[in-house]
Amino acid sequence: MSTSKPYELIATPGWDQPPRTLAEWIDAFKHLGYQAKEVVETDSGRWLEVAELGIRGYVERAGPTVEAINFELPGIDHHDAAHAVRQAAVQLGFEVHTDDDLNDLDPELAGEELDEED
C-alpha cells in the first residue's frame, strides 16, 4: 500500500435527487466549517478545492449542474477529508464511491491496480 498516492472518492447524484450546482457544494462545505472554492483551470475544467483538508475535486458538469466530482484526498491521512466529503455529499443527496467500488463493477477501470488488491 502506497501512502504517496492520493486517495480518490467519486461523488454522484443519488437516485431521484434534484440537480445541484457547484455553488451548493461550496455552501455544503462552508456549512461544515471549511472554506471551499471553485478553481477554473481551462474553459471547461473546474475544480472544487478545500485547501485546509487537502481536498481537490474535478467537477463534471452539464451546464450549471454537477454530474459528478472526482475528489483527490491526501494519501497519507485522508480520514478527515473523506469524512467531510461524505458529510457534504449527504447534505446534497449525492452518493460517494471509492475507486474500489468502481473497480468491483468494472475490472477494466482498475487497470494494473486490480492485481494488487486483496
N, C-alpha and C. Protein backbone atom coordinates (compact mmCIF):
# COMPACT_ATOMS: atom_id res chain seq x y z
N MET A 1 0.84 -1.19 0.00
CA MET A 1 0.00 0.00 0.00
C MET A 1 0.88 1.24 0.00
N SER A 2 0.70 2.11 -0.97
CA SER A 2 1.49 3.33 -1.08
C SER A 2 0.78 4.49 -0.40
N THR A 3 1.53 5.24 0.42
CA THR A 3 0.93 6.37 1.11
C THR A 3 1.08 7.66 0.31
N SER A 4 1.87 7.66 -0.77
CA SER A 4 2.07 8.87 -1.54
C SER A 4 0.98 9.06 -2.59
N LYS A 5 0.30 8.00 -2.97
CA LYS A 5 -0.75 8.09 -3.97
C LYS A 5 -2.00 8.70 -3.34
N PRO A 6 -2.60 9.70 -4.01
CA PRO A 6 -3.82 10.28 -3.46
C PRO A 6 -4.95 9.24 -3.38
N TYR A 7 -5.76 9.40 -2.39
CA TYR A 7 -6.94 8.58 -2.21
C TYR A 7 -8.06 9.26 -2.97
N GLU A 8 -8.87 8.51 -3.71
CA GLU A 8 -9.90 9.12 -4.53
C GLU A 8 -11.29 8.67 -4.11
N LEU A 9 -12.21 9.64 -4.14
CA LEU A 9 -13.63 9.38 -3.93
C LEU A 9 -14.39 10.02 -5.09
N ILE A 10 -15.43 9.35 -5.53
CA ILE A 10 -16.26 9.89 -6.60
C ILE A 10 -17.66 10.12 -6.05
N ALA A 11 -18.15 11.34 -6.17
CA ALA A 11 -19.49 11.70 -5.71
C ALA A 11 -20.41 11.82 -6.92
N THR A 12 -21.53 11.12 -6.87
CA THR A 12 -22.53 11.16 -7.94
C THR A 12 -23.91 11.37 -7.33
N PRO A 13 -24.82 11.99 -8.07
CA PRO A 13 -26.16 12.22 -7.52
C PRO A 13 -26.86 10.92 -7.17
N GLY A 14 -27.56 10.93 -6.05
CA GLY A 14 -28.37 9.78 -5.67
C GLY A 14 -29.59 9.69 -6.57
N TRP A 15 -30.28 8.56 -6.50
CA TRP A 15 -31.45 8.33 -7.32
C TRP A 15 -32.54 9.36 -7.01
N ASP A 16 -33.09 9.96 -8.05
CA ASP A 16 -34.23 10.85 -7.95
C ASP A 16 -33.96 12.08 -7.07
N GLN A 17 -32.74 12.59 -7.13
CA GLN A 17 -32.37 13.78 -6.37
C GLN A 17 -32.41 15.01 -7.28
N PRO A 18 -32.68 16.17 -6.72
CA PRO A 18 -32.70 17.39 -7.55
C PRO A 18 -31.30 17.74 -8.05
N PRO A 19 -31.23 18.43 -9.17
CA PRO A 19 -29.92 18.86 -9.67
C PRO A 19 -29.24 19.78 -8.67
N ARG A 20 -27.92 19.70 -8.60
CA ARG A 20 -27.13 20.53 -7.68
C ARG A 20 -26.06 21.28 -8.45
N THR A 21 -25.72 22.45 -7.96
CA THR A 21 -24.69 23.29 -8.59
C THR A 21 -23.41 23.25 -7.77
N LEU A 22 -22.34 23.74 -8.38
CA LEU A 22 -21.07 23.82 -7.68
C LEU A 22 -21.18 24.79 -6.50
N ALA A 23 -21.95 25.85 -6.65
CA ALA A 23 -22.16 26.80 -5.55
C ALA A 23 -22.78 26.10 -4.34
N GLU A 24 -23.67 25.15 -4.58
CA GLU A 24 -24.28 24.40 -3.48
C GLU A 24 -23.25 23.51 -2.78
N TRP A 25 -22.33 22.93 -3.55
CA TRP A 25 -21.26 22.14 -2.94
C TRP A 25 -20.36 23.02 -2.07
N ILE A 26 -20.04 24.20 -2.57
CA ILE A 26 -19.21 25.13 -1.80
C ILE A 26 -19.93 25.49 -0.50
N ASP A 27 -21.21 25.77 -0.58
CA ASP A 27 -22.01 26.08 0.61
C ASP A 27 -22.07 24.91 1.59
N ALA A 28 -22.14 23.68 1.06
CA ALA A 28 -22.19 22.49 1.93
C ALA A 28 -20.91 22.38 2.76
N PHE A 29 -19.76 22.62 2.13
CA PHE A 29 -18.50 22.60 2.88
C PHE A 29 -18.43 23.75 3.88
N LYS A 30 -18.92 24.92 3.48
CA LYS A 30 -18.93 26.06 4.40
C LYS A 30 -19.81 25.76 5.61
N HIS A 31 -20.93 25.08 5.39
CA HIS A 31 -21.82 24.69 6.48
C HIS A 31 -21.09 23.76 7.47
N LEU A 32 -20.13 23.00 6.98
CA LEU A 32 -19.34 22.11 7.83
C LEU A 32 -18.15 22.83 8.48
N GLY A 33 -17.97 24.10 8.15
CA GLY A 33 -16.90 24.88 8.76
C GLY A 33 -15.62 24.96 7.95
N TYR A 34 -15.68 24.59 6.66
CA TYR A 34 -14.49 24.61 5.81
C TYR A 34 -14.65 25.64 4.70
N GLN A 35 -13.55 26.26 4.33
CA GLN A 35 -13.54 27.22 3.23
C GLN A 35 -13.30 26.47 1.93
N ALA A 36 -14.32 26.41 1.10
CA ALA A 36 -14.22 25.77 -0.20
C ALA A 36 -14.25 26.84 -1.28
N LYS A 37 -13.63 26.54 -2.41
CA LYS A 37 -13.67 27.49 -3.51
C LYS A 37 -13.61 26.76 -4.84
N GLU A 38 -14.08 27.45 -5.87
CA GLU A 38 -14.02 26.95 -7.23
C GLU A 38 -12.73 27.46 -7.87
N VAL A 39 -12.04 26.57 -8.57
CA VAL A 39 -10.83 26.94 -9.30
C VAL A 39 -11.04 26.56 -10.76
N VAL A 40 -10.88 27.54 -11.65
CA VAL A 40 -11.04 27.30 -13.08
C VAL A 40 -9.65 27.22 -13.71
N GLU A 41 -9.35 26.07 -14.34
CA GLU A 41 -8.03 25.90 -14.96
C GLU A 41 -8.08 26.05 -16.47
N THR A 42 -9.20 25.70 -17.08
CA THR A 42 -9.38 25.85 -18.52
C THR A 42 -10.82 26.31 -18.74
N ASP A 43 -11.20 26.50 -19.98
CA ASP A 43 -12.57 26.93 -20.27
C ASP A 43 -13.61 25.95 -19.73
N SER A 44 -13.30 24.66 -19.73
CA SER A 44 -14.29 23.68 -19.26
C SER A 44 -13.86 22.96 -17.98
N GLY A 45 -12.61 23.14 -17.55
CA GLY A 45 -12.12 22.43 -16.36
C GLY A 45 -12.34 23.22 -15.08
N ARG A 46 -13.14 22.67 -14.20
CA ARG A 46 -13.42 23.32 -12.92
C ARG A 46 -13.10 22.35 -11.80
N TRP A 47 -12.52 22.89 -10.75
CA TRP A 47 -12.15 22.11 -9.57
C TRP A 47 -12.81 22.71 -8.35
N LEU A 48 -13.11 21.86 -7.40
CA LEU A 48 -13.58 22.28 -6.08
C LEU A 48 -12.44 22.00 -5.12
N GLU A 49 -11.98 23.03 -4.42
CA GLU A 49 -10.85 22.87 -3.51
C GLU A 49 -11.24 23.24 -2.08
N VAL A 50 -10.77 22.41 -1.15
CA VAL A 50 -10.86 22.70 0.27
C VAL A 50 -9.43 22.55 0.78
N ALA A 51 -8.68 23.65 0.72
CA ALA A 51 -7.24 23.61 0.97
C ALA A 51 -6.89 23.09 2.36
N GLU A 52 -7.64 23.48 3.38
CA GLU A 52 -7.27 23.08 4.74
C GLU A 52 -7.36 21.57 4.96
N LEU A 53 -8.13 20.87 4.12
CA LEU A 53 -8.22 19.41 4.20
C LEU A 53 -7.40 18.71 3.12
N GLY A 54 -6.80 19.49 2.23
CA GLY A 54 -6.03 18.90 1.13
C GLY A 54 -6.91 18.27 0.06
N ILE A 55 -8.16 18.73 -0.05
CA ILE A 55 -9.12 18.16 -1.00
C ILE A 55 -9.10 18.97 -2.29
N ARG A 56 -9.11 18.24 -3.39
CA ARG A 56 -9.25 18.83 -4.72
C ARG A 56 -10.15 17.89 -5.51
N GLY A 57 -11.24 18.43 -6.08
CA GLY A 57 -12.17 17.59 -6.82
C GLY A 57 -12.45 18.12 -8.20
N TYR A 58 -12.26 17.27 -9.22
CA TYR A 58 -12.57 17.66 -10.59
C TYR A 58 -14.08 17.55 -10.78
N VAL A 59 -14.70 18.61 -11.25
CA VAL A 59 -16.15 18.69 -11.36
C VAL A 59 -16.59 18.40 -12.78
N GLU A 60 -17.41 17.36 -12.93
CA GLU A 60 -18.05 17.04 -14.21
C GLU A 60 -19.40 17.73 -14.21
N ARG A 61 -19.65 18.57 -15.23
CA ARG A 61 -20.88 19.33 -15.25
C ARG A 61 -21.65 19.13 -16.54
N ALA A 62 -22.96 19.38 -16.45
CA ALA A 62 -23.83 19.50 -17.62
C ALA A 62 -24.51 20.85 -17.43
N GLY A 63 -23.99 21.86 -18.11
CA GLY A 63 -24.47 23.22 -17.85
C GLY A 63 -24.07 23.60 -16.43
N PRO A 64 -25.01 24.14 -15.66
CA PRO A 64 -24.67 24.51 -14.28
C PRO A 64 -24.76 23.35 -13.28
N THR A 65 -25.25 22.21 -13.74
CA THR A 65 -25.50 21.07 -12.85
C THR A 65 -24.27 20.18 -12.69
N VAL A 66 -23.97 19.83 -11.45
CA VAL A 66 -22.87 18.90 -11.16
C VAL A 66 -23.35 17.48 -11.40
N GLU A 67 -22.66 16.76 -12.29
CA GLU A 67 -22.99 15.36 -12.56
C GLU A 67 -22.12 14.41 -11.75
N ALA A 68 -20.92 14.85 -11.42
CA ALA A 68 -20.01 14.04 -10.61
C ALA A 68 -18.84 14.91 -10.18
N ILE A 69 -18.23 14.53 -9.06
CA ILE A 69 -16.98 15.16 -8.63
C ILE A 69 -16.02 14.04 -8.27
N ASN A 70 -14.85 14.06 -8.89
CA ASN A 70 -13.80 13.09 -8.60
C ASN A 70 -12.84 13.76 -7.62
N PHE A 71 -12.98 13.42 -6.34
CA PHE A 71 -12.17 14.04 -5.29
C PHE A 71 -10.84 13.33 -5.13
N GLU A 72 -9.77 14.11 -5.05
CA GLU A 72 -8.44 13.61 -4.70
C GLU A 72 -8.17 14.06 -3.28
N LEU A 73 -7.90 13.11 -2.40
CA LEU A 73 -7.63 13.40 -0.99
C LEU A 73 -6.18 13.08 -0.69
N PRO A 74 -5.64 13.68 0.38
CA PRO A 74 -4.24 13.39 0.72
C PRO A 74 -4.04 11.89 0.95
N GLY A 75 -2.94 11.36 0.43
CA GLY A 75 -2.70 9.93 0.52
C GLY A 75 -2.32 9.43 1.89
N ILE A 76 -1.66 10.25 2.69
CA ILE A 76 -1.16 9.77 3.98
C ILE A 76 -2.25 9.72 5.04
N ASP A 77 -2.99 10.81 5.20
CA ASP A 77 -4.05 10.84 6.21
C ASP A 77 -5.28 11.46 5.59
N HIS A 78 -6.13 10.62 5.04
CA HIS A 78 -7.29 11.11 4.29
C HIS A 78 -8.60 10.98 5.07
N HIS A 79 -8.58 10.48 6.29
CA HIS A 79 -9.81 10.17 7.00
C HIS A 79 -10.69 11.39 7.27
N ASP A 80 -10.12 12.50 7.75
CA ASP A 80 -10.91 13.71 7.99
C ASP A 80 -11.47 14.26 6.69
N ALA A 81 -10.64 14.24 5.65
CA ALA A 81 -11.07 14.75 4.35
C ALA A 81 -12.20 13.89 3.79
N ALA A 82 -12.06 12.58 3.89
CA ALA A 82 -13.10 11.67 3.39
C ALA A 82 -14.41 11.87 4.15
N HIS A 83 -14.30 12.05 5.46
CA HIS A 83 -15.49 12.29 6.28
C HIS A 83 -16.20 13.57 5.84
N ALA A 84 -15.44 14.63 5.60
CA ALA A 84 -16.02 15.90 5.16
C ALA A 84 -16.70 15.76 3.80
N VAL A 85 -16.07 15.04 2.87
CA VAL A 85 -16.68 14.82 1.54
C VAL A 85 -18.00 14.08 1.70
N ARG A 86 -18.00 13.04 2.52
CA ARG A 86 -19.23 12.26 2.72
C ARG A 86 -20.33 13.10 3.37
N GLN A 87 -19.97 13.93 4.35
CA GLN A 87 -20.96 14.79 5.00
C GLN A 87 -21.55 15.79 4.02
N ALA A 88 -20.71 16.43 3.22
CA ALA A 88 -21.20 17.39 2.22
C ALA A 88 -22.11 16.69 1.21
N ALA A 89 -21.70 15.50 0.78
CA ALA A 89 -22.48 14.76 -0.20
C ALA A 89 -23.87 14.41 0.33
N VAL A 90 -23.94 13.97 1.57
CA VAL A 90 -25.23 13.61 2.17
C VAL A 90 -26.15 14.82 2.19
N GLN A 91 -25.62 15.99 2.52
CA GLN A 91 -26.43 17.21 2.53
C GLN A 91 -27.08 17.47 1.18
N LEU A 92 -26.40 17.06 0.11
CA LEU A 92 -26.85 17.38 -1.25
C LEU A 92 -27.51 16.21 -1.97
N GLY A 93 -27.66 15.08 -1.29
CA GLY A 93 -28.29 13.92 -1.92
C GLY A 93 -27.38 13.18 -2.88
N PHE A 94 -26.07 13.29 -2.66
CA PHE A 94 -25.10 12.58 -3.50
C PHE A 94 -24.64 11.31 -2.79
N GLU A 95 -24.19 10.35 -3.59
CA GLU A 95 -23.58 9.13 -3.08
C GLU A 95 -22.08 9.23 -3.30
N VAL A 96 -21.32 8.62 -2.42
CA VAL A 96 -19.86 8.66 -2.53
C VAL A 96 -19.35 7.24 -2.72
N HIS A 97 -18.49 7.08 -3.72
CA HIS A 97 -17.91 5.77 -4.06
C HIS A 97 -16.40 5.88 -4.05
N THR A 98 -15.74 4.78 -3.72
CA THR A 98 -14.29 4.72 -3.82
C THR A 98 -13.91 4.13 -5.16
N ASP A 99 -12.63 4.23 -5.50
CA ASP A 99 -12.14 3.57 -6.71
C ASP A 99 -12.43 2.08 -6.64
N ASP A 100 -12.30 1.49 -5.45
CA ASP A 100 -12.56 0.06 -5.29
C ASP A 100 -14.00 -0.29 -5.64
N ASP A 101 -14.95 0.58 -5.25
CA ASP A 101 -16.35 0.34 -5.60
C ASP A 101 -16.51 0.25 -7.11
N LEU A 102 -15.88 1.19 -7.82
CA LEU A 102 -15.99 1.21 -9.28
C LEU A 102 -15.26 0.03 -9.89
N ASN A 103 -14.12 -0.34 -9.33
CA ASN A 103 -13.38 -1.48 -9.85
C ASN A 103 -14.17 -2.77 -9.71
N ASP A 104 -14.95 -2.90 -8.63
CA ASP A 104 -15.79 -4.08 -8.46
C ASP A 104 -16.84 -4.17 -9.54
N LEU A 105 -17.32 -3.02 -10.01
CA LEU A 105 -18.33 -3.00 -11.06
C LEU A 105 -17.73 -3.27 -12.42
N ASP A 106 -16.54 -2.76 -12.67
CA ASP A 106 -15.90 -2.88 -13.97
C ASP A 106 -14.39 -3.04 -13.80
N PRO A 107 -13.88 -4.28 -13.84
CA PRO A 107 -12.45 -4.52 -13.63
C PRO A 107 -11.55 -3.76 -14.60
N GLU A 108 -12.08 -3.37 -15.76
CA GLU A 108 -11.29 -2.60 -16.72
C GLU A 108 -10.85 -1.26 -16.12
N LEU A 109 -11.65 -0.70 -15.20
CA LEU A 109 -11.31 0.57 -14.59
C LEU A 109 -10.12 0.46 -13.66
N ALA A 110 -9.85 -0.73 -13.18
CA ALA A 110 -8.77 -0.93 -12.21
C ALA A 110 -7.40 -0.94 -12.86
N GLY A 111 -7.30 -1.37 -14.11
CA GLY A 111 -6.02 -1.47 -14.78
C GLY A 111 -5.09 -2.40 -14.01
N GLU A 112 -3.85 -1.99 -13.83
CA GLU A 112 -2.86 -2.81 -13.13
C GLU A 112 -3.14 -2.92 -11.66
N GLU A 113 -3.86 -1.95 -11.07
CA GLU A 113 -4.12 -1.96 -9.65
C GLU A 113 -4.97 -3.15 -9.20
N LEU A 114 -5.72 -3.74 -10.11
CA LEU A 114 -6.58 -4.86 -9.76
C LEU A 114 -5.78 -6.02 -9.19
N ASP A 115 -4.58 -6.25 -9.71
CA ASP A 115 -3.74 -7.35 -9.24
C ASP A 115 -3.21 -7.10 -7.83
N GLU A 116 -3.12 -5.85 -7.40
CA GLU A 116 -2.55 -5.51 -6.10
C GLU A 116 -3.54 -5.64 -4.95
N GLU A 117 -4.82 -5.71 -5.24
CA GLU A 117 -5.84 -5.73 -4.18
C GLU A 117 -6.08 -7.13 -3.66
N ASP A 118 -6.25 -7.23 -2.37
CA ASP A 118 -6.62 -8.48 -1.71
C ASP A 118 -7.12 -8.19 -0.34
